[in-house]
Every structure is written in C-alpha cells, then in structure tokens.
C-alpha cells in the first residue's frame, strides 16, 4: 500500500491526539490571556503584527490574508470590526482600483505595542518554560518539518 494510504497505528494516533489536545489547550490559554491582558483577540494581534512589520505599515488586503493564513472574506469582516474600533483603516489601492489596502492606525499601533510584552510573557510562561532547551529545539524541528510537508502537499 502506498505510504500516503496507510493508516496510522495506535502509537501514531496517540502522538497525534496528544499533539492536537496540547496545542488546542495552549491556544485556548494564550487566547484567554491575550484577551484578559489586552482586550485583543488572536486575530486582532495577527493583523496588527503583520501590519506593524509591513512597509509603511500597510498591506493589500489579499496579501494580508495570505500572510496570516485567512480567507479574504474572513479578513474583510475582521478588518471591518477593527476599523470600527479605530485600529486600522482601509483605502482603495492606488495601483489597483479592484483592491484595498489595510493601514495600521495610531491606535492600532499603540494597542499592538501595549499587547506585545504581556503576550510574549504568556508565551514564555505557557510554552517556553514548559520545555527543556532540547525539547524547544525538537519542537522547532517538528514545526519546520510539518510546514515543509504541508507546503509540498496540495491544498484541499
């Protein structure tokens, strides 16, 4: 049977389940801490991070969606909510009238700056401090292997 058609055995399923359950729990705890500490959602933080790193703190919406791994419609709805809160604004793209650019507003930059230390502290406490240096190295290697594998596989 081809490698891609074999089913995982019990040990492989146990590893998968442990991975999924721990990453779900970690994501949930980080989400709770981020919201409690800053009032931002993980989606807000992802958008603000991408815009803060972008040239002139602006990106085409389609590029932003690709950068954070979201569908364009999801991003559009989320940007609307962030726009109403004064964190970002949208403008027609100067080079393509069919597109829009998301722009980081001063309030969004301030919210991102205020969230960075609490969020990084939570990452250290909930992820980094739970692992030995060797486990952190292994986690990085595992993540890189998964990313490379998924980049080779066709998307559904």
C-alpha atoms as a PDB file:
ATOM      1  CA  UNK A   1       0.000   0.000   0.000  1.00  0.00           C
ATOM      2  CA  UNK A   2       1.439   3.460  -0.856  1.00  0.00           C
ATOM      3  CA  UNK A   3       2.780   5.457   2.089  1.00  0.00           C
ATOM      4  CA  UNK A   4       0.006   8.060   1.823  1.00  0.00           C
ATOM      5  CA  UNK A   5      -2.703   5.328   2.014  1.00  0.00           C
ATOM      6  CA  UNK A   6      -1.513   3.589   5.190  1.00  0.00           C
ATOM      7  CA  UNK A   7      -3.500   4.338   8.314  1.00  0.00           C
ATOM      8  CA  UNK A   8      -1.718   5.440  11.480  1.00  0.00           C
ATOM      9  CA  UNK A   9      -1.125   2.798  14.123  1.00  0.00           C
ATOM     10  CA  UNK A  10      -2.120   3.169  17.788  1.00  0.00           C
ATOM     11  CA  UNK A  11       1.163   4.809  18.874  1.00  0.00           C
ATOM     12  CA  UNK A  12       0.968   7.266  15.972  1.00  0.00           C
ATOM     13  CA  UNK A  13      -2.654   8.102  16.812  1.00  0.00           C
ATOM     14  CA  UNK A  14      -1.711   8.591  20.459  1.00  0.00           C
ATOM     15  CA  UNK A  15       1.049  11.007  19.426  1.00  0.00           C
ATOM     16  CA  UNK A  16      -1.371  12.837  17.122  1.00  0.00           C
ATOM     17  CA  UNK A  17      -4.029  13.115  19.807  1.00  0.00           C
ATOM     18  CA  UNK A  18      -1.536  14.369  22.396  1.00  0.00           C
ATOM     19  CA  UNK A  19      -0.243  16.934  19.900  1.00  0.00           C
ATOM     20  CA  UNK A  20      -3.719  18.187  18.987  1.00  0.00           C
ATOM     21  CA  UNK A  21      -5.033  18.282  22.539  1.00  0.00           C
ATOM     22  CA  UNK A  22      -1.974  20.095  23.881  1.00  0.00           C
ATOM     23  CA  UNK A  23      -1.886  22.649  21.045  1.00  0.00           C
ATOM     24  CA  UNK A  24      -5.627  23.270  21.453  1.00  0.00           C
ATOM     25  CA  UNK A  25      -5.181  23.784  25.205  1.00  0.00           C
ATOM     26  CA  UNK A  26      -2.165  26.040  24.645  1.00  0.00           C
ATOM     27  CA  UNK A  27      -4.018  28.093  22.022  1.00  0.00           C
ATOM     28  CA  UNK A  28      -7.010  28.427  24.357  1.00  0.00           C
ATOM     29  CA  UNK A  29      -4.887  29.582  27.280  1.00  0.00           C
ATOM     30  CA  UNK A  30      -2.957  32.061  25.116  1.00  0.00           C
ATOM     31  CA  UNK A  31      -6.235  33.402  23.707  1.00  0.00           C
ATOM     32  CA  UNK A  32      -7.674  33.876  27.191  1.00  0.00           C
ATOM     33  CA  UNK A  33      -4.548  35.591  28.453  1.00  0.00           C
ATOM     34  CA  UNK A  34      -4.267  37.850  25.402  1.00  0.00           C
ATOM     35  CA  UNK A  35      -7.872  38.965  25.722  1.00  0.00           C
ATOM     36  CA  UNK A  36      -7.731  39.404  29.504  1.00  0.00           C
ATOM     37  CA  UNK A  37      -4.426  41.289  29.402  1.00  0.00           C
ATOM     38  CA  UNK A  38      -5.020  43.439  26.306  1.00  0.00           C
ATOM     39  CA  UNK A  39      -8.603  43.184  25.051  1.00  0.00           C
ATOM     40  CA  UNK A  40      -7.294  41.892  21.720  1.00  0.00           C
ATOM     41  CA  UNK A  41      -8.227  38.640  20.030  1.00  0.00           C
ATOM     42  CA  UNK A  42      -5.575  36.441  18.412  1.00  0.00           C
ATOM     43  CA  UNK A  43      -6.959  37.613  15.048  1.00  0.00           C
ATOM     44  CA  UNK A  44      -6.520  41.244  16.060  1.00  0.00           C
ATOM     45  CA  UNK A  45      -2.958  40.516  17.156  1.00  0.00           C
ATOM     46  CA  UNK A  46      -2.132  38.665  13.918  1.00  0.00           C
ATOM     47  CA  UNK A  47      -3.422  41.558  11.799  1.00  0.00           C
ATOM     48  CA  UNK A  48      -1.651  44.176  13.912  1.00  0.00           C
ATOM     49  CA  UNK A  49       1.603  42.193  13.860  1.00  0.00           C
ATOM     50  CA  UNK A  50       1.542  41.807  10.077  1.00  0.00           C
ATOM     51  CA  UNK A  51       0.739  45.490   9.536  1.00  0.00           C
ATOM     52  CA  UNK A  52       3.369  46.619  12.045  1.00  0.00           C
ATOM     53  CA  UNK A  53       6.007  44.665  10.085  1.00  0.00           C
ATOM     54  CA  UNK A  54       4.805  45.825   6.651  1.00  0.00           C
ATOM     55  CA  UNK A  55       6.439  48.571   4.663  1.00  0.00           C
ATOM     56  CA  UNK A  56       4.770  51.870   5.606  1.00  0.00           C
ATOM     57  CA  UNK A  57       2.524  49.789   7.932  1.00  0.00           C
ATOM     58  CA  UNK A  58       0.120  48.996   5.115  1.00  0.00           C
ATOM     59  CA  UNK A  59      -0.658  45.922   3.017  1.00  0.00           C
ATOM     60  CA  UNK A  60      -3.008  44.952   0.248  1.00  0.00           C
ATOM     61  CA  UNK A  61      -5.872  43.016   1.805  1.00  0.00           C
ATOM     62  CA  UNK A  62      -5.158  39.978  -0.358  1.00  0.00           C
ATOM     63  CA  UNK A  63      -1.501  39.960   0.734  1.00  0.00           C
ATOM     64  CA  UNK A  64      -2.504  40.394   4.372  1.00  0.00           C
ATOM     65  CA  UNK A  65      -4.942  37.483   4.129  1.00  0.00           C
ATOM     66  CA  UNK A  66      -2.234  35.276   2.656  1.00  0.00           C
ATOM     67  CA  UNK A  67       0.294  36.398   5.278  1.00  0.00           C
ATOM     68  CA  UNK A  68      -1.911  35.422   8.216  1.00  0.00           C
ATOM     69  CA  UNK A  69      -3.441  32.379   6.501  1.00  0.00           C
ATOM     70  CA  UNK A  70      -7.039  33.578   6.304  1.00  0.00           C
ATOM     71  CA  UNK A  71      -9.637  33.583   3.561  1.00  0.00           C
ATOM     72  CA  UNK A  72     -10.170  37.069   2.132  1.00  0.00           C
ATOM     73  CA  UNK A  73     -13.822  37.147   3.243  1.00  0.00           C
ATOM     74  CA  UNK A  74     -12.872  36.354   6.842  1.00  0.00           C
ATOM     75  CA  UNK A  75     -10.249  39.088   6.781  1.00  0.00           C
ATOM     76  CA  UNK A  76     -12.685  41.577   5.295  1.00  0.00           C
ATOM     77  CA  UNK A  77     -15.189  41.022   8.115  1.00  0.00           C
ATOM     78  CA  UNK A  78     -12.472  41.167  10.737  1.00  0.00           C
ATOM     79  CA  UNK A  79     -10.985  44.362   9.296  1.00  0.00           C
ATOM     80  CA  UNK A  80     -14.446  45.929   9.444  1.00  0.00           C
ATOM     81  CA  UNK A  81     -14.641  45.199  13.171  1.00  0.00           C
ATOM     82  CA  UNK A  82     -11.113  46.517  13.717  1.00  0.00           C
ATOM     83  CA  UNK A  83     -11.890  49.602  11.655  1.00  0.00           C
ATOM     84  CA  UNK A  84     -14.912  50.383  13.855  1.00  0.00           C
ATOM     85  CA  UNK A  85     -12.571  50.220  16.868  1.00  0.00           C
ATOM     86  CA  UNK A  86     -10.111  52.617  15.202  1.00  0.00           C
ATOM     87  CA  UNK A  87      -7.260  50.087  14.987  1.00  0.00           C
ATOM     88  CA  UNK A  88      -6.981  50.016  11.192  1.00  0.00           C
ATOM     89  CA  UNK A  89      -8.422  51.746   8.172  1.00  0.00           C
ATOM     90  CA  UNK A  90      -8.940  50.623   4.613  1.00  0.00           C
ATOM     91  CA  UNK A  91      -8.249  52.602   1.458  1.00  0.00           C
ATOM     92  CA  UNK A  92      -8.537  51.825  -2.206  1.00  0.00           C
ATOM     93  CA  UNK A  93      -5.270  50.554  -3.559  1.00  0.00           C
ATOM     94  CA  UNK A  94      -3.522  53.313  -5.535  1.00  0.00           C
ATOM     95  CA  UNK A  95      -2.176  50.821  -8.085  1.00  0.00           C
ATOM     96  CA  UNK A  96      -5.290  48.655  -8.490  1.00  0.00           C
ATOM     97  CA  UNK A  97      -8.799  50.022  -8.082  1.00  0.00           C
ATOM     98  CA  UNK A  98     -10.142  46.492  -7.500  1.00  0.00           C
ATOM     99  CA  UNK A  99      -8.080  46.065  -4.364  1.00  0.00           C
ATOM    100  CA  UNK A 100      -7.916  47.688  -0.955  1.00  0.00           C
ATOM    101  CA  UNK A 101      -5.105  48.282   1.459  1.00  0.00           C
ATOM    102  CA  UNK A 102      -5.284  47.816   5.206  1.00  0.00           C
ATOM    103  CA  UNK A 103      -3.420  50.517   7.095  1.00  0.00           C
ATOM    104  CA  UNK A 104      -2.318  50.455  10.714  1.00  0.00           C
ATOM    105  CA  UNK A 105      -3.824  53.394  12.605  1.00  0.00           C
ATOM    106  CA  UNK A 106      -2.002  55.038  15.550  1.00  0.00           C
ATOM    107  CA  UNK A 107      -4.497  53.443  17.957  1.00  0.00           C
ATOM    108  CA  UNK A 108      -3.746  50.046  16.400  1.00  0.00           C
ATOM    109  CA  UNK A 109      -0.004  50.581  16.738  1.00  0.00           C
ATOM    110  CA  UNK A 110      -0.484  51.614  20.373  1.00  0.00           C
ATOM    111  CA  UNK A 111      -2.689  48.583  21.080  1.00  0.00           C
ATOM    112  CA  UNK A 112      -0.117  46.284  19.461  1.00  0.00           C
ATOM    113  CA  UNK A 113       2.759  47.854  21.392  1.00  0.00           C
ATOM    114  CA  UNK A 114       0.817  47.539  24.673  1.00  0.00           C
ATOM    115  CA  UNK A 115      -0.031  43.889  23.929  1.00  0.00           C
ATOM    116  CA  UNK A 116       3.443  42.735  22.947  1.00  0.00           C
ATOM    117  CA  UNK A 117       5.052  42.324  26.384  1.00  0.00           C
ATOM    118  CA  UNK A 118       2.021  40.627  28.010  1.00  0.00           C
ATOM    119  CA  UNK A 119       1.632  38.296  25.018  1.00  0.00           C
ATOM    120  CA  UNK A 120       5.316  37.383  24.905  1.00  0.00           C
ATOM    121  CA  UNK A 121       5.241  36.847  28.682  1.00  0.00           C
ATOM    122  CA  UNK A 122       2.343  34.409  28.265  1.00  0.00           C
ATOM    123  CA  UNK A 123       4.227  32.586  25.502  1.00  0.00           C
ATOM    124  CA  UNK A 124       7.241  32.245  27.778  1.00  0.00           C
ATOM    125  CA  UNK A 125       5.184  31.064  30.764  1.00  0.00           C
ATOM    126  CA  UNK A 126       2.881  28.664  28.913  1.00  0.00           C
ATOM    127  CA  UNK A 127       5.193  27.310  26.187  1.00  0.00           C
ATOM    128  CA  UNK A 128       8.883  28.086  26.629  1.00  0.00           C
ATOM    129  CA  UNK A 129       9.054  27.417  30.375  1.00  0.00           C
ATOM    130  CA  UNK A 130       7.292  24.046  29.960  1.00  0.00           C
ATOM    131  CA  UNK A 131      10.080  22.674  27.755  1.00  0.00           C
ATOM    132  CA  UNK A 132      13.768  21.962  28.099  1.00  0.00           C
ATOM    133  CA  UNK A 133      16.157  23.566  25.595  1.00  0.00           C
ATOM    134  CA  UNK A 134      16.380  20.213  23.773  1.00  0.00           C
ATOM    135  CA  UNK A 135      12.584  19.960  23.627  1.00  0.00           C
ATOM    136  CA  UNK A 136      12.352  23.524  22.255  1.00  0.00           C
ATOM    137  CA  UNK A 137      14.844  22.592  19.549  1.00  0.00           C
ATOM    138  CA  UNK A 138      12.845  19.441  18.772  1.00  0.00           C
ATOM    139  CA  UNK A 139       9.583  21.447  18.692  1.00  0.00           C
ATOM    140  CA  UNK A 140      11.115  23.879  16.205  1.00  0.00           C
ATOM    141  CA  UNK A 141      12.359  20.990  14.063  1.00  0.00           C
ATOM    142  CA  UNK A 142       8.941  19.307  14.165  1.00  0.00           C
ATOM    143  CA  UNK A 143       7.193  22.542  13.202  1.00  0.00           C
ATOM    144  CA  UNK A 144       9.624  23.089  10.314  1.00  0.00           C
ATOM    145  CA  UNK A 145       9.129  19.512   9.071  1.00  0.00           C
ATOM    146  CA  UNK A 146       5.340  19.890   9.187  1.00  0.00           C
ATOM    147  CA  UNK A 147       5.476  23.255   7.390  1.00  0.00           C
ATOM    148  CA  UNK A 148       7.712  21.831   4.665  1.00  0.00           C
ATOM    149  CA  UNK A 149       5.499  18.770   4.258  1.00  0.00           C
ATOM    150  CA  UNK A 150       2.316  20.848   4.060  1.00  0.00           C
ATOM    151  CA  UNK A 151       3.935  23.190   1.536  1.00  0.00           C
ATOM    152  CA  UNK A 152       4.537  20.167  -0.734  1.00  0.00           C
ATOM    153  CA  UNK A 153       1.031  18.711  -0.327  1.00  0.00           C
ATOM    154  CA  UNK A 154      -1.773  20.077  -2.491  1.00  0.00           C
ATOM    155  CA  UNK A 155      -4.316  22.117  -0.546  1.00  0.00           C
ATOM    156  CA  UNK A 156      -7.824  20.737  -0.277  1.00  0.00           C
END
